[in-house]
Protein backbone atom coordinates (compact mmCIF):
# COMPACT_ATOMS: atom_id res chain seq x y z
CA UNK A 1 136.14 152.46 94.24
CA UNK A 2 138.99 152.19 95.74
CA UNK A 3 138.09 150.62 99.73
CA UNK A 4 140.66 153.33 100.59
CA UNK A 5 138.54 155.84 99.19
CA UNK A 6 135.44 154.52 100.20
CA UNK A 7 136.89 154.28 104.14
CA UNK A 8 137.96 158.03 103.12
CA UNK A 9 134.84 159.37 102.90
CA UNK A 10 132.78 157.21 105.44
CA UNK A 11 134.93 158.27 108.00
CA UNK A 12 134.15 161.70 107.26
CA UNK A 13 131.45 160.52 107.24
CA UNK A 14 131.07 159.09 110.65
CA UNK A 15 132.99 162.32 111.83
CA UNK A 16 130.02 164.21 110.77
CA UNK A 17 127.52 161.93 112.35
CA UNK A 18 129.80 162.35 115.96
CA UNK A 19 129.61 165.85 115.60
CA UNK A 20 125.32 165.09 115.80
CA UNK A 21 124.75 166.72 111.96
CA UNK A 22 122.59 164.91 109.12
CA UNK A 23 124.29 162.35 107.81
CA UNK A 24 122.68 159.87 105.23
CA UNK A 25 123.59 157.12 103.17
CA UNK A 26 121.91 155.23 100.46
CA UNK A 27 121.29 155.15 96.75
CA UNK A 28 119.64 158.36 95.66
CA UNK A 29 116.30 158.06 94.12
CA UNK A 30 113.03 159.08 93.61
CA UNK A 31 109.28 158.49 95.10
CA UNK A 32 106.47 157.77 93.40
CA UNK A 33 105.69 160.91 93.50
CA UNK A 34 108.86 162.44 91.97
CA UNK A 35 110.75 163.11 95.17
CA UNK A 36 114.21 162.75 95.74
CA UNK A 37 114.98 159.86 98.45
CA UNK A 38 118.58 158.74 99.60
CA UNK A 39 117.63 155.67 101.20
CA UNK A 40 114.84 156.12 103.04
CA UNK A 41 115.34 159.53 104.00
CA UNK A 42 113.25 162.10 101.71
CA UNK A 43 115.31 165.30 100.41
CA UNK A 44 112.66 167.15 100.64
CA UNK A 45 111.42 166.96 104.09
CA UNK A 46 115.27 167.70 105.39
CA UNK A 47 115.68 170.88 102.81
CA UNK A 48 112.39 172.30 103.70
CA UNK A 49 113.42 171.48 107.73
CA UNK A 50 117.01 173.95 107.01
CA UNK A 51 115.45 176.24 104.67
CA UNK A 52 116.57 179.36 105.38
CA UNK A 53 119.97 178.20 106.56
CA UNK A 54 123.53 178.58 105.41
CA UNK A 55 124.75 174.31 104.34
CA UNK A 56 127.55 172.74 103.48
CA UNK A 57 126.61 169.79 101.55
CA UNK A 58 129.13 167.34 100.38
CA UNK A 59 127.88 163.91 98.44
CA UNK A 60 130.38 161.86 97.61
CA UNK A 61 129.65 158.63 95.40
CA UNK A 62 130.70 154.82 96.42
CA UNK A 63 130.96 154.52 93.10
CA UNK A 64 133.84 157.25 92.35
CA UNK A 65 136.86 155.16 90.58
CA UNK A 66 139.68 158.43 91.50
CA UNK A 67 142.15 157.25 93.21
CA UNK A 68 143.20 158.85 96.58
CA UNK A 69 146.18 160.86 96.64
CA UNK A 70 149.24 160.29 98.45
CA UNK A 71 149.53 163.43 100.91
CA UNK A 72 153.38 164.05 103.65
CA UNK A 73 151.92 165.73 106.68
CA UNK A 74 153.64 168.95 107.56
CA UNK A 75 153.85 168.10 111.22
CA UNK A 76 156.32 164.52 111.44
CA UNK A 77 156.63 164.21 107.21
CA UNK A 78 154.48 161.20 107.59
CA UNK A 79 153.33 159.65 104.38
CA UNK A 80 148.86 159.54 104.45
CA UNK A 81 146.30 159.30 102.84
CA UNK A 82 143.28 160.02 105.36
CA UNK A 83 141.26 162.81 106.29
CA UNK A 84 144.46 164.28 108.78
CA UNK A 85 148.05 162.26 109.37
CA UNK A 86 146.71 159.01 111.91
CA UNK A 87 150.53 158.64 113.41
CA UNK A 88 149.42 162.60 114.50
CA UNK A 89 146.26 162.02 115.39
CA UNK A 90 146.88 159.32 117.72
CA UNK A 91 149.06 161.41 119.65
CA UNK A 92 147.03 164.18 119.87
CA UNK A 93 143.99 161.96 121.76
CA UNK A 94 147.14 160.56 123.78
CA UNK A 95 148.01 163.61 125.13
CA UNK A 96 145.22 165.42 125.25
CA UNK A 97 142.95 163.39 125.64
CA UNK A 98 140.64 164.15 123.00
CA UNK A 99 140.85 164.62 119.30
């Protein structure tokens, strides 16, 4: 995976964690009982805990080799490869005190 894509994925996971959402990171595998796990986290237990809820599940392989596209900010016109324009984000934080 390119370093930029990997950093963008980890930044997205970090933002979800900061929102106190469930974030799991690790190698996807099956245990001896055939249950899916990510790292040491049992997906069956997690899914059972969220049964009957509307969810958004985002999966990303850190081995993904696709190129991250450069975007142009509609506010300031700068090019960036992040989730949002880092220049405008820094200005929002500076002016408002939060993102």
